[in-house]
């Protein structure tokens, strides 16, 4: 075991230490801007909180995940320039930041400690993850060293994210004398992630008799959302301090360091409901995707149904009503109820609202297609044409006014292909892409507890695409309560058809749903990205070949 950094001096450490958790939102690739943010936060932590140590998230210098930006030839030059700027500031507090560092031919996901204008320690992440959305082994080598440092007289161990989830790094740092362990994270949100983190931190701190400071990134990056929730567990496994989720800020923690570094407890935030947490994730994901990519506004099709209603509410809560435009595009099958409810939603949220009938365009297309379609019966072709005309309208508004089109499909629909290529799938960002339909209903009810913006009958009426007379989603799909359970078992838990049937589901329903999931992979590859809220979202989490001969069953 090797140790990097200054030797710790436990006999001289003070009784008081203030650590500030810098739970901030960084922009991937903007190394100069991220450096500015680190400098500004450190000055604030010093001036407002009298910090001794300021801890930032994993890879905060580049933002996370930087993906193939890590392969750019100028990466090392840019990182070294940023580190030089930080050294030249000679901050009062020690700062611990995340950055990619090269040593020889290898690149490492590193934590860098800077004190008094000098790099006093470097820690290389020992377990780069390579599962779900993570592919760090594509870029990073595995570190080997244990790092304990003397920071303001306190023996401190350093780890990075995944190192906490594996045996070795925390245990070896504690054995090397660390009284306090700083863990830098870029841990993305999913619906029960914070509970799993707490269980892990409780066990690790208690088993190793060491306090752990867990600092996490906050904000959205493409489909990933980082929820913050930075926290501190004491050496007996008690949660002493927790920062709010989905909120940027500097969160100070006082430690009394004698035989142990005992954090001074602060009031903990209230536990959010699942619906509140998911809704916050959607708002964060939309806000950062739109703002970080420089869109002035968003536009979406408002149908009078529940998916577009929830999407509209999220968009307004993320961006404000003046940056959101809703468009109702009725056809002969659009009910008066849908027209009334869509208008009510737009009025309640105060957005710009337009009504453009697609009837004339549909008639023109059908007149053009009359020859080739002669002798055929109407089918999904005519239904899909309606959706595609709406997609053309929305994309035209997007091009003309620089607005991002938000699509409104949910995870249940995306799973079984209940969507139209170049129609309702046309757009740049799908807010509900990873949200099952049953959860969409729960989100609508939750949002109405904040303020009533979704008419009750939108929540209670049977869902319909209204592409044919008296059409209902459940005419061609199992009920959503059944569908979502089957999808959860097949998509998120990898159950076979036989195993799902063994759980009590009808064989016909199971075979039908699995077939629809499998044959619609090609659609999902062409769908816009959207906020990930589960451990198995469509995209990086679940990558199945479009062309394959796998047969469902066992």
Protein backbone atom coordinates (compact mmCIF):
# COMPACT_ATOMS: atom_id res chain seq x y z
CA UNK A 1 0.00 0.00 0.00
CA UNK A 2 1.41 3.38 -0.96
CA UNK A 3 0.46 6.76 0.40
CA UNK A 4 0.42 10.00 -1.58
CA UNK A 5 0.49 13.48 -0.08
CA UNK A 6 1.77 15.02 3.12
CA UNK A 7 2.06 12.76 6.11
CA UNK A 8 -0.74 13.20 8.61
CA UNK A 9 0.04 14.53 12.08
CA UNK A 10 -2.72 13.34 14.37
CA UNK A 11 -1.08 14.77 17.49
CA UNK A 12 -1.41 18.33 16.18
CA UNK A 13 -4.81 18.46 14.63
CA UNK A 14 -7.16 21.14 16.00
CA UNK A 15 -10.41 20.49 17.75
CA UNK A 16 -12.46 22.39 15.19
CA UNK A 17 -12.63 22.04 11.42
CA UNK A 18 -15.13 23.52 9.00
CA UNK A 19 -15.74 21.67 5.73
CA UNK A 20 -17.92 23.24 3.05
CA UNK A 21 -19.68 20.90 0.62
CA UNK A 22 -19.83 22.69 -2.76
CA UNK A 23 -22.92 21.12 -4.32
CA UNK A 24 -22.85 22.88 -7.69
CA UNK A 25 -23.92 22.55 -11.34
CA UNK A 26 -21.05 22.43 -13.84
CA UNK A 27 -21.13 22.60 -17.65
CA UNK A 28 -19.47 19.69 -19.42
CA UNK A 29 -16.51 20.81 -21.51
CA UNK A 30 -16.38 24.38 -20.20
CA UNK A 31 -13.10 24.07 -18.30
CA UNK A 32 -12.50 27.86 -18.02
CA UNK A 33 -16.08 28.48 -16.89
CA UNK A 34 -15.96 25.61 -14.41
CA UNK A 35 -12.68 26.97 -13.05
CA UNK A 36 -14.33 30.36 -12.55
CA UNK A 37 -17.17 28.64 -10.70
CA UNK A 38 -14.72 26.81 -8.41
CA UNK A 39 -12.87 30.05 -7.66
CA UNK A 40 -16.05 32.00 -6.97
CA UNK A 41 -17.40 29.25 -4.71
CA UNK A 42 -14.13 29.01 -2.79
CA UNK A 43 -14.08 32.75 -2.14
CA UNK A 44 -17.68 32.60 -0.93
CA UNK A 45 -16.90 29.60 1.28
CA UNK A 46 -14.02 31.54 2.79
CA UNK A 47 -15.79 34.88 3.19
CA UNK A 48 -19.25 33.68 4.21
CA UNK A 49 -18.48 30.40 5.99
CA UNK A 50 -14.85 30.70 7.11
CA UNK A 51 -14.14 27.35 5.52
CA UNK A 52 -11.05 25.28 6.26
CA UNK A 53 -11.72 22.82 3.42
CA UNK A 54 -13.98 23.16 0.37
CA UNK A 55 -14.92 19.90 -1.33
CA UNK A 56 -16.22 19.87 -4.93
CA UNK A 57 -17.81 17.05 -6.96
CA UNK A 58 -16.10 14.45 -9.12
CA UNK A 59 -14.57 15.74 -12.39
CA UNK A 60 -15.96 19.21 -11.65
CA UNK A 61 -13.21 20.77 -13.77
CA UNK A 62 -14.55 19.16 -16.96
CA UNK A 63 -18.12 18.50 -15.88
CA UNK A 64 -19.52 14.98 -15.81
CA UNK A 65 -19.60 12.87 -17.89
CA UNK A 66 -17.15 14.41 -20.36
CA UNK A 67 -17.28 11.29 -22.55
CA UNK A 68 -15.06 11.51 -25.67
CA UNK A 69 -13.97 15.05 -24.82
CA UNK A 70 -11.47 13.12 -22.70
CA UNK A 71 -9.88 11.93 -25.95
CA UNK A 72 -9.25 15.45 -27.29
CA UNK A 73 -5.52 16.16 -27.71
CA UNK A 74 -5.79 19.53 -25.96
CA UNK A 75 -7.42 18.14 -22.81
CA UNK A 76 -4.22 17.97 -20.81
CA UNK A 77 -3.20 21.51 -21.77
CA UNK A 78 -6.58 22.90 -20.72
CA UNK A 79 -6.62 21.02 -17.43
CA UNK A 80 -3.10 22.13 -16.54
CA UNK A 81 -3.96 25.75 -17.34
CA UNK A 82 -6.96 25.50 -15.02
CA UNK A 83 -4.93 23.95 -12.21
CA UNK A 84 -2.34 26.70 -12.59
CA UNK A 85 -5.06 29.35 -12.22
CA UNK A 86 -6.30 27.66 -9.06
CA UNK A 87 -2.79 27.40 -7.60
CA UNK A 88 -2.13 31.08 -8.26
CA UNK A 89 -5.13 32.14 -6.18
CA UNK A 90 -3.59 30.87 -2.92
CA UNK A 91 -6.97 30.47 -1.22
CA UNK A 92 -7.22 30.37 2.54
CA UNK A 93 -9.12 27.08 2.58
CA UNK A 94 -7.77 23.89 1.12
CA UNK A 95 -9.77 22.87 -1.94
CA UNK A 96 -10.46 19.34 -3.17
CA UNK A 97 -11.53 19.19 -6.81
CA UNK A 98 -12.14 16.51 -9.42
CA UNK A 99 -10.15 16.53 -12.67
CA UNK A 100 -8.81 14.15 -15.31
CA UNK A 101 -5.04 13.81 -14.86
CA UNK A 102 -2.53 12.08 -17.07
CA UNK A 103 0.47 10.25 -15.67
CA UNK A 104 2.67 8.80 -18.35
CA UNK A 105 0.50 7.20 -20.99
CA UNK A 106 -2.48 6.70 -18.68
CA UNK A 107 -5.41 8.99 -17.86
CA UNK A 108 -6.96 8.91 -14.39
CA UNK A 109 -10.15 10.21 -12.82
CA UNK A 110 -8.48 12.16 -10.05
CA UNK A 111 -9.12 14.19 -6.93
CA UNK A 112 -6.64 17.05 -6.51
CA UNK A 113 -5.94 18.79 -3.20
CA UNK A 114 -4.60 22.36 -3.38
CA UNK A 115 -3.39 24.17 -0.26
CA UNK A 116 -1.58 27.50 -0.08
CA UNK A 117 -1.03 27.56 -3.82
CA UNK A 118 0.46 24.06 -3.95
CA UNK A 119 -0.88 20.67 -5.02
CA UNK A 120 -0.39 18.71 -1.82
CA UNK A 121 -2.08 15.49 -2.89
CA UNK A 122 -3.54 13.59 -5.81
CA UNK A 123 -5.81 10.57 -5.61
CA UNK A 124 -6.60 8.39 -8.62
CA UNK A 125 -10.02 6.71 -8.63
CA UNK A 126 -9.49 2.99 -8.12
CA UNK A 127 -12.75 1.58 -9.47
CA UNK A 128 -13.87 3.33 -12.67
CA UNK A 129 -17.44 2.02 -13.21
CA UNK A 130 -18.45 0.30 -16.42
CA UNK A 131 -22.15 -0.52 -16.15
CA UNK A 132 -25.53 1.14 -16.81
CA UNK A 133 -24.77 4.69 -18.01
CA UNK A 134 -21.12 4.51 -16.98
CA UNK A 135 -18.29 3.62 -19.34
CA UNK A 136 -15.30 5.08 -17.50
CA UNK A 137 -13.01 2.19 -18.43
CA UNK A 138 -13.15 3.48 -21.98
CA UNK A 139 -11.09 6.44 -20.76
CA UNK A 140 -9.58 5.92 -17.31
CA UNK A 141 -6.97 3.62 -15.85
CA UNK A 142 -7.42 2.23 -12.34
CA UNK A 143 -5.63 3.97 -9.51
CA UNK A 144 -3.83 1.91 -6.88
CA UNK A 145 -2.72 4.24 -4.09
CA UNK A 146 -4.30 5.06 -0.74
CA UNK A 147 -4.18 8.77 0.03
CA UNK A 148 -4.16 10.29 3.51
CA UNK A 149 -3.25 13.94 3.89
CA UNK A 150 -2.67 16.40 6.65
CA UNK A 151 -5.20 19.16 5.96
CA UNK A 152 -5.15 21.86 8.62
CA UNK A 153 -3.76 19.31 11.04
CA UNK A 154 -6.42 16.65 10.43
CA UNK A 155 -5.60 13.28 8.82
CA UNK A 156 -7.98 13.13 5.85
CA UNK A 157 -8.56 10.31 3.37
CA UNK A 158 -9.71 10.91 -0.20
CA UNK A 159 -11.92 8.67 -2.37
CA UNK A 160 -13.92 9.20 -5.56
CA UNK A 161 -17.51 8.03 -6.12
CA UNK A 162 -17.48 4.31 -7.02
CA UNK A 163 -14.60 3.71 -4.60
CA UNK A 164 -17.14 4.06 -1.82
CA UNK A 165 -19.23 1.19 -3.22
CA UNK A 166 -16.31 -1.25 -3.34
CA UNK A 167 -14.32 -2.87 -0.56
CA UNK A 168 -10.84 -1.48 -0.10
CA UNK A 169 -10.53 2.31 -0.52
CA UNK A 170 -12.44 3.42 2.60
CA UNK A 171 -11.12 0.56 4.71
CA UNK A 172 -7.50 1.18 3.73
CA UNK A 173 -7.75 4.96 4.22
CA UNK A 174 -9.15 4.43 7.71
CA UNK A 175 -6.44 1.89 8.48
CA UNK A 176 -3.84 4.43 7.32
CA UNK A 177 -5.03 6.83 10.01
CA UNK A 178 -7.71 8.95 8.33
CA UNK A 179 -10.14 10.47 10.82
CA UNK A 180 -12.26 11.94 8.04
CA UNK A 181 -12.89 10.73 4.49
CA UNK A 182 -13.86 13.07 1.67
CA UNK A 183 -15.75 11.36 -1.15
CA UNK A 184 -16.21 13.26 -4.45
CA UNK A 185 -19.22 12.17 -6.52
CA UNK A 186 -21.03 12.53 -9.81
CA UNK A 187 -23.83 10.13 -8.93
CA UNK A 188 -26.92 10.39 -11.17
CA UNK A 189 -30.45 10.31 -9.84
CA UNK A 190 -32.88 7.44 -9.95
CA UNK A 191 -36.01 6.91 -7.93
CA UNK A 192 -34.47 5.23 -4.88
CA UNK A 193 -30.81 6.19 -5.27
CA UNK A 194 -30.59 8.41 -2.18
CA UNK A 195 -31.87 5.63 0.05
CA UNK A 196 -29.22 3.25 -1.32
CA UNK A 197 -26.52 5.87 -0.81
CA UNK A 198 -27.56 6.39 2.80
CA UNK A 199 -27.55 2.69 3.56
CA UNK A 200 -24.05 2.38 2.10
CA UNK A 201 -22.66 5.42 3.92
CA UNK A 202 -24.16 4.29 7.19
CA UNK A 203 -22.45 0.91 6.89
CA UNK A 204 -19.09 2.20 5.66
CA UNK A 205 -18.76 4.88 8.32
CA UNK A 206 -19.85 2.58 11.15
CA UNK A 207 -17.69 -0.39 10.13
CA UNK A 208 -14.59 1.76 9.69
CA UNK A 209 -15.20 4.15 12.60
CA UNK A 210 -14.63 7.16 10.36
CA UNK A 211 -16.77 10.14 9.39
CA UNK A 212 -17.51 10.44 5.68
CA UNK A 213 -18.26 13.62 3.74
CA UNK A 214 -20.17 12.72 0.57
CA UNK A 215 -20.31 15.59 -1.96
CA UNK A 216 -22.44 15.12 -5.06
CA UNK A 217 -22.97 16.98 -8.31
CA UNK A 218 -26.30 18.67 -9.04
CA UNK A 219 -27.89 19.54 -12.40
CA UNK A 220 -28.77 18.00 -15.75
CA UNK A 221 -26.44 16.67 -18.45
CA UNK A 222 -28.21 15.31 -21.53
CA UNK A 223 -30.38 12.45 -20.22
CA UNK A 224 -28.68 12.29 -16.81
CA UNK A 225 -29.82 14.31 -13.82
CA UNK A 226 -27.64 14.72 -10.74
CA UNK A 227 -29.60 15.36 -7.58
CA UNK A 228 -27.00 16.55 -5.10
CA UNK A 229 -28.14 15.32 -1.72
CA UNK A 230 -24.61 15.75 -0.31
CA UNK A 231 -24.32 14.46 3.24
CA UNK A 232 -22.16 13.59 6.21
CA UNK A 233 -22.24 10.44 8.34
CA UNK A 234 -20.35 10.29 11.61
CA UNK A 235 -18.08 7.45 12.72
CA UNK A 236 -20.97 5.59 14.37
CA UNK A 237 -23.03 5.55 11.16
CA UNK A 238 -25.42 8.40 12.03
CA UNK A 239 -26.55 10.86 9.35
CA UNK A 240 -25.56 14.26 10.74
CA UNK A 241 -25.93 16.65 7.80
CA UNK A 242 -27.81 16.40 4.51
CA UNK A 243 -28.05 19.01 1.77
CA UNK A 244 -31.34 19.35 -0.13
CA UNK A 245 -31.67 17.44 -3.37
CA UNK A 246 -31.85 19.37 -6.66
CA UNK A 247 -30.54 22.56 -5.08
CA UNK A 248 -27.22 24.27 -5.68
CA UNK A 249 -25.42 25.67 -2.68
CA UNK A 250 -22.50 25.77 -0.29
CA UNK A 251 -23.25 23.68 2.79
CA UNK A 252 -20.89 24.09 5.79
CA UNK A 253 -20.24 21.29 8.26
CA UNK A 254 -18.40 21.78 11.56
CA UNK A 255 -16.29 18.96 12.97
CA UNK A 256 -14.95 18.52 16.48
CA UNK A 257 -11.82 16.42 16.04
CA UNK A 258 -10.30 14.52 18.92
CA UNK A 259 -10.18 10.72 18.81
CA UNK A 260 -12.69 11.01 15.96
CA UNK A 261 -13.86 13.87 13.76
CA UNK A 262 -17.42 14.28 14.97
CA UNK A 263 -19.70 16.40 12.74
CA UNK A 264 -21.97 18.90 14.46
CA UNK A 265 -25.46 17.88 13.43
CA UNK A 266 -27.74 20.21 11.52
CA UNK A 267 -31.51 19.89 10.95
CA UNK A 268 -32.15 17.44 8.13
CA UNK A 269 -34.39 18.31 5.18
CA UNK A 270 -37.80 16.66 5.05
CA UNK A 271 -37.97 13.43 3.08
CA UNK A 272 -39.52 14.17 -0.33
CA UNK A 273 -42.17 11.86 -1.75
CA UNK A 274 -41.32 9.78 -4.81
CA UNK A 275 -43.55 12.02 -6.92
CA UNK A 276 -41.92 15.22 -5.67
CA UNK A 277 -38.45 13.80 -6.28
CA UNK A 278 -39.23 12.62 -9.80
CA UNK A 279 -40.93 15.89 -10.65
CA UNK A 280 -37.89 17.82 -9.42
CA UNK A 281 -35.65 15.61 -11.56
CA UNK A 282 -37.76 16.33 -14.65
CA UNK A 283 -37.71 20.08 -13.99
CA UNK A 284 -33.94 20.03 -13.46
CA UNK A 285 -33.35 17.98 -16.60
CA UNK A 286 -35.45 20.25 -18.80
CA UNK A 287 -34.05 23.48 -17.36
CA UNK A 288 -30.42 22.49 -17.83
CA UNK A 289 -30.86 20.90 -21.26
CA UNK A 290 -32.60 23.99 -22.59
CA UNK A 291 -30.35 26.56 -20.93
CA UNK A 292 -27.01 24.82 -21.37
CA UNK A 293 -27.73 24.28 -25.06
CA UNK A 294 -28.73 27.89 -25.59
CA UNK A 295 -32.40 27.52 -26.55
CA UNK A 296 -34.50 30.63 -26.03
CA UNK A 297 -37.76 28.78 -25.56
CA UNK A 298 -39.64 25.51 -26.01
CA UNK A 299 -42.74 24.50 -27.95
CA UNK A 300 -44.91 21.41 -27.53
CA UNK A 301 -48.10 19.91 -28.84
CA UNK A 302 -50.89 20.15 -26.27
CA UNK A 303 -53.48 17.43 -26.90
CA UNK A 304 -55.75 17.63 -23.88
CA UNK A 305 -54.27 14.36 -22.64
CA UNK A 306 -52.33 13.68 -19.48
CA UNK A 307 -48.84 13.30 -21.00
CA UNK A 308 -48.80 16.70 -22.68
CA UNK A 309 -50.41 18.27 -19.60
CA UNK A 310 -47.63 17.04 -17.31
CA UNK A 311 -44.97 17.97 -19.88
CA UNK A 312 -46.37 21.50 -20.10
CA UNK A 313 -46.37 21.90 -16.32
CA UNK A 314 -42.77 20.68 -16.08
CA UNK A 315 -41.68 23.04 -18.85
CA UNK A 316 -43.25 26.07 -17.17
CA UNK A 317 -41.81 25.17 -13.78
CA UNK A 318 -38.39 24.74 -15.38
CA UNK A 319 -38.30 27.79 -17.64
CA UNK A 320 -41.13 30.16 -16.75
CA UNK A 321 -44.31 30.73 -18.72
CA UNK A 322 -42.81 33.32 -21.09
CA UNK A 323 -40.45 30.74 -22.60
CA UNK A 324 -43.09 28.10 -23.28
CA UNK A 325 -45.47 27.84 -26.23
CA UNK A 326 -48.27 25.28 -26.45
CA UNK A 327 -49.97 24.33 -29.71
CA UNK A 328 -53.25 22.44 -30.06
CA UNK A 329 -53.53 20.79 -33.49
CA UNK A 330 -57.06 19.36 -33.68
CA UNK A 331 -58.49 16.96 -36.26
CA UNK A 332 -61.96 15.54 -36.87
CA UNK A 333 -61.42 12.94 -34.13
CA UNK A 334 -60.36 15.49 -31.51
CA UNK A 335 -63.05 15.69 -28.84
CA UNK A 336 -64.49 18.94 -27.54
CA UNK A 337 -63.32 17.79 -24.10
CA UNK A 338 -59.71 17.71 -25.34
CA UNK A 339 -60.04 21.20 -26.82
CA UNK A 340 -61.50 22.57 -23.60
CA UNK A 341 -58.96 20.89 -21.35
CA UNK A 342 -55.96 21.93 -23.43
CA UNK A 343 -57.10 25.55 -23.36
CA UNK A 344 -57.71 25.34 -19.60
CA UNK A 345 -54.18 24.03 -19.03
CA UNK A 346 -52.63 26.77 -21.15
CA UNK A 347 -54.64 29.46 -19.37
CA UNK A 348 -53.82 28.07 -15.91
CA UNK A 349 -50.08 28.14 -16.67
CA UNK A 350 -50.18 31.43 -18.60
CA UNK A 351 -48.34 30.25 -21.72
CA UNK A 352 -48.73 31.34 -25.32
CA UNK A 353 -51.41 29.10 -26.83
CA UNK A 354 -52.25 28.52 -30.49
CA UNK A 355 -54.77 26.32 -32.26
CA UNK A 356 -53.86 25.13 -35.77
CA UNK A 357 -56.16 22.59 -37.42
CA UNK A 358 -54.42 19.85 -39.39
CA UNK A 359 -57.58 19.07 -41.37
CA UNK A 360 -56.64 21.04 -44.56
CA UNK A 361 -53.16 19.53 -44.65
CA UNK A 362 -54.50 16.04 -44.11
CA UNK A 363 -56.97 16.45 -46.96
CA UNK A 364 -54.19 17.69 -49.24
CA UNK A 365 -51.98 14.72 -48.43
CA UNK A 366 -54.83 12.25 -48.92
CA UNK A 367 -55.68 13.82 -52.26
CA UNK A 368 -52.08 13.36 -53.37
CA UNK A 369 -52.08 9.75 -52.13
CA UNK A 370 -55.49 8.89 -53.58
CA UNK A 371 -53.93 7.14 -56.57
CA UNK A 372 -51.47 4.84 -54.83
CA UNK A 373 -53.96 4.18 -51.98
CA UNK A 374 -56.85 3.28 -54.30
CA UNK A 375 -58.43 -0.04 -53.38
CA UNK A 376 -56.88 -0.13 -49.88
CA UNK A 377 -58.67 0.19 -46.55
CA UNK A 378 -57.81 2.85 -43.97
CA UNK A 379 -55.39 1.59 -41.29
CA UNK A 380 -52.61 2.98 -39.10
CA UNK A 381 -51.18 4.74 -42.16
CA UNK A 382 -53.89 7.39 -41.96
CA UNK A 383 -53.51 7.60 -38.18
CA UNK A 384 -49.76 8.10 -38.45
CA UNK A 385 -50.24 10.80 -41.07
CA UNK A 386 -52.10 12.89 -38.49
CA UNK A 387 -49.22 12.58 -36.04
CA UNK A 388 -46.67 13.40 -38.74
CA UNK A 389 -48.52 16.54 -39.79
CA UNK A 390 -48.40 17.71 -36.20
CA UNK A 391 -44.68 16.97 -36.11
CA UNK A 392 -44.14 19.08 -39.24
CA UNK A 393 -45.98 22.02 -37.68
CA UNK A 394 -44.00 21.85 -34.45
CA UNK A 395 -40.67 21.52 -36.22
CA UNK A 396 -41.54 24.50 -38.43
CA UNK A 397 -42.20 26.62 -35.36
CA UNK A 398 -38.93 25.33 -33.90
CA UNK A 399 -36.96 26.33 -37.00
CA UNK A 400 -38.55 29.75 -37.31
CA UNK A 401 -38.32 30.83 -33.66
CA UNK A 402 -35.38 28.82 -32.32
CA UNK A 403 -37.56 26.88 -29.91
CA UNK A 404 -36.75 23.36 -28.77
CA UNK A 405 -39.60 20.92 -29.45
CA UNK A 406 -40.48 18.93 -26.34
CA UNK A 407 -42.04 15.58 -27.16
CA UNK A 408 -44.54 14.03 -24.78
CA UNK A 409 -44.22 10.24 -25.07
CA UNK A 410 -43.91 8.25 -21.84
CA UNK A 411 -41.81 5.14 -21.13
CA UNK A 412 -44.74 2.74 -21.51
CA UNK A 413 -45.47 4.05 -25.00
CA UNK A 414 -41.80 4.10 -26.00
CA UNK A 415 -41.42 0.52 -24.81
CA UNK A 416 -44.19 -0.92 -26.99
CA UNK A 417 -43.81 1.45 -29.94
CA UNK A 418 -47.08 3.27 -29.29
CA UNK A 419 -45.70 6.31 -31.05
CA UNK A 420 -45.12 7.56 -34.59
CA UNK A 421 -41.73 8.04 -36.17
CA UNK A 422 -41.42 11.59 -37.51
CA UNK A 423 -44.74 12.36 -35.82
CA UNK A 424 -45.21 12.60 -32.06
CA UNK A 425 -41.58 11.42 -31.77
CA UNK A 426 -40.34 14.44 -33.74
CA UNK A 427 -38.49 16.82 -31.45
CA UNK A 428 -35.40 17.42 -29.40
CA UNK A 429 -36.15 16.32 -25.84
CA UNK A 430 -38.67 13.88 -24.38
CA UNK A 431 -39.48 14.92 -20.83
CA UNK A 432 -41.37 11.73 -19.90
CA UNK A 433 -39.19 9.26 -21.83
CA UNK A 434 -38.30 7.26 -18.69
CA UNK A 435 -41.60 7.79 -16.82
CA UNK A 436 -44.08 4.88 -16.91
CA UNK A 437 -47.69 5.85 -17.65
CA UNK A 438 -48.92 4.92 -14.18
CA UNK A 439 -46.33 7.30 -12.70
CA UNK A 440 -47.42 10.05 -15.12
CA UNK A 441 -50.86 9.94 -13.46
CA UNK A 442 -49.24 10.22 -10.03
CA UNK A 443 -47.13 13.18 -11.17
CA UNK A 444 -50.24 14.96 -12.44
CA UNK A 445 -51.94 14.53 -9.08
CA UNK A 446 -48.79 15.69 -7.27
CA UNK A 447 -48.47 18.81 -9.44
CA UNK A 448 -52.08 19.72 -8.68
CA UNK A 449 -51.26 19.73 -4.94
CA UNK A 450 -48.85 22.60 -5.68
CA UNK A 451 -51.44 24.49 -7.73
CA UNK A 452 -54.37 23.24 -9.79
CA UNK A 453 -53.17 23.35 -13.40
CA UNK A 454 -54.40 20.02 -14.81
CA UNK A 455 -58.19 19.51 -15.08
CA UNK A 456 -59.39 16.55 -13.04
CA UNK A 457 -60.99 14.84 -16.01
CA UNK A 458 -57.63 14.78 -17.82
CA UNK A 459 -56.48 12.51 -14.99
CA UNK A 460 -59.61 10.41 -14.74
CA UNK A 461 -60.64 9.89 -18.41
CA UNK A 462 -59.34 6.82 -20.31
CA UNK A 463 -56.16 7.74 -22.26
CA UNK A 464 -56.57 8.06 -26.04
CA UNK A 465 -54.42 9.14 -28.96
CA UNK A 466 -57.62 10.32 -30.70
CA UNK A 467 -56.38 9.18 -34.11
CA UNK A 468 -59.56 7.22 -34.85
CA UNK A 469 -63.22 7.36 -33.75
CA UNK A 470 -63.79 6.41 -30.07
CA UNK A 471 -60.17 5.24 -29.77
CA UNK A 472 -58.71 4.28 -26.38
CA UNK A 473 -55.15 3.20 -25.59
CA UNK A 474 -56.40 0.02 -23.89
CA UNK A 475 -58.10 -1.09 -27.11
CA UNK A 476 -54.67 -2.16 -28.35
CA UNK A 477 -52.69 -2.51 -25.11
CA UNK A 478 -53.24 -4.20 -21.72
CA UNK A 479 -54.38 -1.84 -18.99
CA UNK A 480 -51.52 0.41 -17.94
CA UNK A 481 -51.50 -1.03 -14.43
CA UNK A 482 -50.75 -4.45 -15.96
CA UNK A 483 -48.58 -3.16 -18.81
CA UNK A 484 -46.25 -1.21 -16.55
CA UNK A 485 -45.70 -4.20 -14.27
CA UNK A 486 -44.82 -6.44 -17.21
CA UNK A 487 -42.52 -3.76 -18.64
CA UNK A 488 -40.79 -3.32 -15.29
CA UNK A 489 -40.04 -7.03 -15.10
CA UNK A 490 -38.90 -7.34 -18.72
CA UNK A 491 -37.14 -4.03 -19.40
CA UNK A 492 -35.76 -3.06 -16.01
CA UNK A 493 -35.26 -6.45 -14.31
CA UNK A 494 -34.50 -8.70 -17.31
CA UNK A 495 -37.14 -11.32 -16.48
CA UNK A 496 -37.82 -13.85 -19.24
CA UNK A 497 -41.33 -14.40 -20.61
CA UNK A 498 -41.68 -17.60 -18.60
CA UNK A 499 -40.53 -15.89 -15.42
CA UNK A 500 -43.05 -13.06 -15.91
CA UNK A 501 -45.87 -15.56 -16.45
CA UNK A 502 -44.75 -17.31 -13.25
CA UNK A 503 -45.37 -14.02 -11.44
CA UNK A 504 -49.07 -14.39 -12.26
CA UNK A 505 -49.45 -12.52 -15.56
CA UNK A 506 -51.45 -13.79 -18.51
CA UNK A 507 -49.32 -15.57 -21.13
CA UNK A 508 -51.05 -13.81 -24.02
CA UNK A 509 -50.43 -10.39 -22.49
CA UNK A 510 -46.81 -11.20 -21.70
CA UNK A 511 -45.97 -12.56 -25.14
CA UNK A 512 -47.66 -9.64 -26.83
CA UNK A 513 -45.90 -7.00 -24.73
CA UNK A 514 -42.48 -8.62 -25.12
CA UNK A 515 -42.93 -8.88 -28.86
CA UNK A 516 -43.85 -5.19 -29.06
CA UNK A 517 -40.81 -4.20 -26.98
CA UNK A 518 -38.48 -6.28 -29.12
CA UNK A 519 -39.72 -5.20 -32.55
CA UNK A 520 -39.72 -1.50 -31.68
CA UNK A 521 -36.05 -1.16 -30.82
CA UNK A 522 -35.54 0.54 -34.18
CA UNK A 523 -37.99 3.29 -33.18
CA UNK A 524 -36.34 3.93 -29.86
CA UNK A 525 -32.96 4.37 -31.55
CA UNK A 526 -34.47 7.32 -33.44
CA UNK A 527 -36.24 8.88 -30.45
CA UNK A 528 -35.02 12.08 -28.79
CA UNK A 529 -33.20 11.78 -25.50
CA UNK A 530 -35.08 12.41 -22.29
CA UNK A 531 -34.63 12.58 -18.53
CA UNK A 532 -33.48 9.32 -16.94
CA UNK A 533 -35.22 8.54 -13.63
CA UNK A 534 -34.85 4.75 -13.38
CA UNK A 535 -31.89 2.40 -13.27
CA UNK A 536 -32.79 1.10 -16.73
CA UNK A 537 -33.76 3.86 -19.10
CA UNK A 538 -33.89 3.40 -22.85
CA UNK A 539 -30.58 4.57 -24.27
CA UNK A 540 -27.23 4.03 -22.58
CA UNK A 541 -28.71 1.73 -19.93
CA UNK A 542 -30.38 -0.71 -22.30
CA UNK A 543 -28.66 -1.42 -25.61
CA UNK A 544 -30.24 -4.21 -27.61
CA UNK A 545 -29.42 -5.04 -31.24
CA UNK A 546 -32.08 -4.02 -33.74
CA UNK A 547 -31.33 -6.97 -36.00
CA UNK A 548 -31.28 -10.21 -33.99
CA UNK A 549 -32.74 -13.70 -33.84
CA UNK A 550 -33.25 -13.98 -30.07
CA UNK A 551 -36.53 -15.69 -29.19
CA UNK A 552 -38.39 -14.81 -26.01
CA UNK A 553 -39.34 -17.53 -23.58
CA UNK A 554 -36.86 -18.88 -21.07
